C-alpha atoms as a PDB file:
ATOM      1  CA  MET A   1     115.008  78.568 147.682  1.00  0.00           C
ATOM      2  CA  LYS A   2     113.763  81.730 146.005  1.00  0.00           C
ATOM      3  CA  SER A   3     110.993  83.697 147.541  1.00  0.00           C
ATOM      4  CA  LYS A   4     107.603  83.969 145.858  1.00  0.00           C
ATOM      5  CA  PRO A   5     107.995  87.679 144.836  1.00  0.00           C
ATOM      6  CA  VAL A   6     111.296  86.915 143.041  1.00  0.00           C
ATOM      7  CA  LYS A   7     109.671  84.059 141.108  1.00  0.00           C
ATOM      8  CA  ILE A   8     106.790  86.309 140.110  1.00  0.00           C
ATOM      9  CA  MET A   9     109.214  89.043 138.949  1.00  0.00           C
ATOM     10  CA  LEU A  10     111.220  86.560 136.877  1.00  0.00           C
ATOM     11  CA  ALA A  11     108.067  85.137 135.305  1.00  0.00           C
ATOM     12  CA  ALA A  12     106.791  88.643 134.503  1.00  0.00           C
ATOM     13  CA  ALA A  13     110.142  89.602 132.951  1.00  0.00           C
ATOM     14  CA  GLY A  14     110.089  86.443 130.837  1.00  0.00           C
ATOM     15  CA  VAL A  15     106.568  87.159 129.601  1.00  0.00           C
ATOM     16  CA  LEU A  16     107.528  90.761 128.759  1.00  0.00           C
ATOM     17  CA  LEU A  17     110.562  89.598 126.795  1.00  0.00           C
ATOM     18  CA  LEU A  18     108.429  87.103 124.897  1.00  0.00           C
ATOM     19  CA  LEU A  19     105.832  89.759 124.078  1.00  0.00           C
ATOM     20  CA  ALA A  20     108.500  92.267 123.005  1.00  0.00           C
ATOM     21  CA  GLY A  21     110.077  89.660 120.712  1.00  0.00           C
ATOM     22  CA  ALA A  22     106.719  88.766 119.182  1.00  0.00           C
ATOM     23  CA  PHE A  23     105.945  92.467 118.687  1.00  0.00           C
ATOM     24  CA  LEU A  24     109.235  93.057 116.883  1.00  0.00           C
ATOM     25  CA  LEU A  25     108.921  89.973 114.681  1.00  0.00           C
ATOM     26  CA  LEU A  26     105.221  90.134 113.901  1.00  0.00           C
ATOM     27  CA  GLY A  27     104.368  93.731 114.681  1.00  0.00           C
ATOM     28  CA  PRO A  28     104.086  96.926 112.671  1.00  0.00           C
ATOM     29  CA  GLY A  29     107.623  96.776 111.271  1.00  0.00           C
ATOM     30  CA  LYS A  30     107.121  93.586 109.286  1.00  0.00           C
ATOM     31  CA  ALA A  31     107.367  93.567 105.505  1.00  0.00           C
ATOM     32  CA  PRO A  32     103.997  94.158 103.831  1.00  0.00           C
ATOM     33  CA  GLY A  33     104.708  91.810 100.932  1.00  0.00           C
ATOM     34  CA  ASP A  34     106.954  89.203  99.401  1.00  0.00           C
ATOM     35  CA  GLY A  35     109.399  91.484  97.583  1.00  0.00           C
ATOM     36  CA  SER A  36     107.692  91.235  94.197  1.00  0.00           C
ATOM     37  CA  GLN A  37     106.600  94.894  94.162  1.00  0.00           C
ATOM     38  CA  LYS A  38     109.530  97.201  93.369  1.00  0.00           C
ATOM     39  CA  LEU A  39     109.790 100.948  93.917  1.00  0.00           C
ATOM     40  CA  ILE A  40     112.352 103.463  92.721  1.00  0.00           C
ATOM     41  CA  LEU A  41     112.062 106.242  95.297  1.00  0.00           C
ATOM     42  CA  GLU A  42     113.601 109.637  94.630  1.00  0.00           C
ATOM     43  CA  VAL A  43     114.180 111.642  97.795  1.00  0.00           C
ATOM     44  CA  MET A  44     114.829 115.277  96.992  1.00  0.00           C
ATOM     45  CA  PRO A  45     117.021 117.484  99.227  1.00  0.00           C
ATOM     46  CA  GLY A  46     114.943 118.894 102.076  1.00  0.00           C
ATOM     47  CA  MET A  47     112.164 116.333 101.614  1.00  0.00           C
ATOM     48  CA  GLY A  48     110.715 115.667 105.054  1.00  0.00           C
ATOM     49  CA  ILE A  49     110.014 112.386 106.780  1.00  0.00           C
ATOM     50  CA  GLN A  50     106.256 112.926 106.467  1.00  0.00           C
ATOM     51  CA  LYS A  51     106.385 113.244 102.664  1.00  0.00           C
ATOM     52  CA  VAL A  52     108.672 110.206 102.327  1.00  0.00           C
ATOM     53  CA  THR A  53     106.448 108.161 104.651  1.00  0.00           C
ATOM     54  CA  ASP A  54     103.308 109.190 102.736  1.00  0.00           C
ATOM     55  CA  THR A  55     104.922 108.144  99.455  1.00  0.00           C
ATOM     56  CA  LEU A  56     106.016 104.771 100.849  1.00  0.00           C
ATOM     57  CA  ALA A  57     102.582 104.142 102.394  1.00  0.00           C
ATOM     58  CA  ALA A  58     100.798 105.050  99.138  1.00  0.00           C
ATOM     59  CA  GLN A  59     102.983 102.509  97.317  1.00  0.00           C
ATOM     60  CA  ASN A  60     102.221  99.781  99.922  1.00  0.00           C
ATOM     61  CA  MET A  61     105.829  99.595 101.114  1.00  0.00           C
ATOM     62  CA  LEU A  62     104.959  99.956 104.813  1.00  0.00           C
ATOM     63  CA  SER A  63     102.756  97.977 107.178  1.00  0.00           C
ATOM     64  CA  ASN A  64     102.463 100.914 109.576  1.00  0.00           C
ATOM     65  CA  ALA A  65     103.411 104.493 108.604  1.00  0.00           C
ATOM     66  CA  ALA A  66     103.432 105.848 112.178  1.00  0.00           C
ATOM     67  CA  TYR A  67     105.800 103.086 113.289  1.00  0.00           C
ATOM     68  CA  PHE A  68     108.113 103.845 110.338  1.00  0.00           C
ATOM     69  CA  ARG A  69     108.251 107.567 111.202  1.00  0.00           C
ATOM     70  CA  TRP A  70     109.016 106.725 114.839  1.00  0.00           C
ATOM     71  CA  LEU A  71     111.708 104.249 113.750  1.00  0.00           C
ATOM     72  CA  VAL A  72     113.445 106.783 111.479  1.00  0.00           C
ATOM     73  CA  ARG A  73     113.412 109.420 114.197  1.00  0.00           C
ATOM     74  CA  TRP A  74     114.644 106.997 116.845  1.00  0.00           C
ATOM     75  CA  THR A  75     117.354 105.204 114.835  1.00  0.00           C
ATOM     76  CA  GLY A  76     118.371 107.801 112.263  1.00  0.00           C
ATOM     77  CA  GLY A  77     117.712 111.035 114.062  1.00  0.00           C
ATOM     78  CA  GLY A  78     114.918 111.767 111.594  1.00  0.00           C
ATOM     79  CA  LYS A  79     117.429 112.470 108.849  1.00  0.00           C
ATOM     80  CA  ILE A  80     116.658 110.851 105.506  1.00  0.00           C
ATOM     81  CA  LYS A  81     119.349 111.396 102.897  1.00  0.00           C
ATOM     82  CA  ALA A  82     118.558 112.654  99.412  1.00  0.00           C
ATOM     83  CA  GLY A  83     119.056 110.242  96.539  1.00  0.00           C
ATOM     84  CA  VAL A  84     117.439 107.592  94.379  1.00  0.00           C
ATOM     85  CA  TYR A  85     116.652 104.362  96.208  1.00  0.00           C
ATOM     86  CA  GLU A  86     115.586 100.922  95.026  1.00  0.00           C
ATOM     87  CA  LEU A  87     113.114  99.367  97.473  1.00  0.00           C
ATOM     88  CA  ASN A  88     110.665  96.464  97.490  1.00  0.00           C
ATOM     89  CA  ASN A  89     107.682  95.399  99.577  1.00  0.00           C
ATOM     90  CA  GLY A  90     109.602  92.463 101.058  1.00  0.00           C
ATOM     91  CA  MET A  91     111.720  94.854 103.139  1.00  0.00           C
ATOM     92  CA  THR A  92     110.915  95.485 106.784  1.00  0.00           C
ATOM     93  CA  ALA A  93     110.375  99.011 108.078  1.00  0.00           C
ATOM     94  CA  GLY A  94     113.774  98.746 109.780  1.00  0.00           C
ATOM     95  CA  LYS A  95     115.515  97.800 106.547  1.00  0.00           C
ATOM     96  CA  ILE A  96     113.909 100.688 104.633  1.00  0.00           C
ATOM     97  CA  ALA A  97     114.729 103.124 107.458  1.00  0.00           C
ATOM     98  CA  SER A  98     118.342 101.950 107.443  1.00  0.00           C
ATOM     99  CA  ILE A  99     118.663 102.345 103.670  1.00  0.00           C
ATOM    100  CA  LEU A 100     117.209 105.872 103.696  1.00  0.00           C
ATOM    101  CA  THR A 101     119.068 107.203 106.750  1.00  0.00           C
ATOM    102  CA  GLU A 102     122.422 105.725 105.728  1.00  0.00           C
ATOM    103  CA  GLY A 103     122.105 106.938 102.124  1.00  0.00           C
ATOM    104  CA  LYS A 104     122.424 103.520 100.459  1.00  0.00           C
ATOM    105  CA  VAL A 105     121.412 104.867  97.066  1.00  0.00           C
ATOM    106  CA  ARG A 106     120.737 102.924  93.886  1.00  0.00           C
ATOM    107  CA  MET A 107     123.967 102.374  91.984  1.00  0.00           C
ATOM    108  CA  LEU A 108     124.083 102.416  88.203  1.00  0.00           C
ATOM    109  CA  SER A 109     126.807 101.179  85.910  1.00  0.00           C
ATOM    110  CA  ILE A 110     127.409 102.513  82.439  1.00  0.00           C
ATOM    111  CA  THR A 111     130.271 102.034  80.002  1.00  0.00           C
ATOM    112  CA  VAL A 112     131.301 104.964  77.829  1.00  0.00           C
ATOM    113  CA  PRO A 113     133.353 103.758  74.864  1.00  0.00           C
ATOM    114  CA  GLU A 114     136.821 105.242  74.625  1.00  0.00           C
ATOM    115  CA  GLY A 115     136.998 108.260  72.372  1.00  0.00           C
ATOM    116  CA  TYR A 116     133.386 109.402  72.806  1.00  0.00           C
ATOM    117  CA  HIS A 117     132.985 113.168  72.901  1.00  0.00           C
ATOM    118  CA  ASN A 118     130.406 115.048  74.990  1.00  0.00           C
ATOM    119  CA  ARG A 119     127.651 114.918  72.348  1.00  0.00           C
ATOM    120  CA  GLN A 120     128.011 111.143  71.956  1.00  0.00           C
ATOM    121  CA  ILE A 121     128.010 110.684  75.740  1.00  0.00           C
ATOM    122  CA  ALA A 122     124.878 112.875  75.926  1.00  0.00           C
ATOM    123  CA  GLU A 123     123.146 110.649  73.339  1.00  0.00           C
ATOM    124  CA  LEU A 124     124.195 107.491  75.191  1.00  0.00           C
ATOM    125  CA  LEU A 125     122.875 108.792  78.522  1.00  0.00           C
ATOM    126  CA  THR A 126     119.614 109.835  76.856  1.00  0.00           C
ATOM    127  CA  GLU A 127     119.193 106.346  75.310  1.00  0.00           C
ATOM    128  CA  LYS A 128     119.754 104.777  78.755  1.00  0.00           C
ATOM    129  CA  LYS A 129     117.171 107.216  80.206  1.00  0.00           C
ATOM    130  CA  LEU A 130     119.708 108.657  82.653  1.00  0.00           C
ATOM    131  CA  VAL A 131     119.048 112.187  81.395  1.00  0.00           C
ATOM    132  CA  LYS A 132     115.909 113.591  79.782  1.00  0.00           C
ATOM    133  CA  SER A 133     117.690 115.102  76.807  1.00  0.00           C
ATOM    134  CA  PRO A 134     121.202 115.524  75.422  1.00  0.00           C
ATOM    135  CA  ASP A 135     120.995 119.223  76.241  1.00  0.00           C
ATOM    136  CA  GLU A 136     120.505 118.438  79.939  1.00  0.00           C
ATOM    137  CA  PHE A 137     123.829 116.564  80.047  1.00  0.00           C
ATOM    138  CA  LEU A 138     125.663 119.117  77.877  1.00  0.00           C
ATOM    139  CA  LYS A 139     124.536 121.962  80.144  1.00  0.00           C
ATOM    140  CA  ILE A 140     125.962 120.144  83.175  1.00  0.00           C
ATOM    141  CA  ALA A 141     129.134 119.089  81.332  1.00  0.00           C
ATOM    142  CA  GLU A 142     129.860 122.723  80.429  1.00  0.00           C
ATOM    143  CA  ASP A 143     129.045 124.222  83.845  1.00  0.00           C
ATOM    144  CA  PRO A 144     132.181 126.112  85.022  1.00  0.00           C
ATOM    145  CA  GLU A 145     131.482 125.341  88.696  1.00  0.00           C
ATOM    146  CA  ILE A 146     131.318 121.600  88.054  1.00  0.00           C
ATOM    147  CA  LEU A 147     134.426 121.675  85.879  1.00  0.00           C
ATOM    148  CA  LYS A 148     136.293 123.548  88.620  1.00  0.00           C
ATOM    149  CA  LYS A 149     134.997 121.229  91.369  1.00  0.00           C
ATOM    150  CA  TYR A 150     136.338 118.135  89.604  1.00  0.00           C
ATOM    151  CA  ASN A 151     139.474 119.812  88.200  1.00  0.00           C
ATOM    152  CA  ILE A 152     138.473 119.284  84.588  1.00  0.00           C
END
C-alpha cells in the first residue's frame, strides 16, 4: 500500500500534466482563425524577430505575440530565415514558427516555352508579376557575378 505523500505527489503530477496539456492545446499558441485569411509574408535578410512578430500580429496571424517570440527563440534559436512565405490564420504559432525557422518558403512554378530569349522571358515574368519590369529581370540575367555563379 502506498503512503499518503506518494499518492498526493502522483495526484499533483497528474493535475500538472493535465493543465500543461490544456495550456498547449487551448493556450496562446492556438490558431487565431479558420485558415480563410491568407498572408504572403516577405522576410528580408536581417529582419529581426520583433519586426516579423509585429507584422504577423498586425495581420491577425497570432493569438499571442509574446508567446510566438518565445517559441521562435526556444525552438529555432531566434533565427528566422529570409524568404517569401505563404501563411494563413488557421496555423498555430508552432506551425508558423516552424515554417519561418526552417525556411519553408513559398514555391512557384512557371513554364518558359522552349526557344524564348531573355526579352521574352522578361515579359513573361512581368506578366506573371514575378518581377516589376522586364528591365529588372534583364539586369539580373546580365549580371556577370550571377552568370559566373551558375556557370552560364
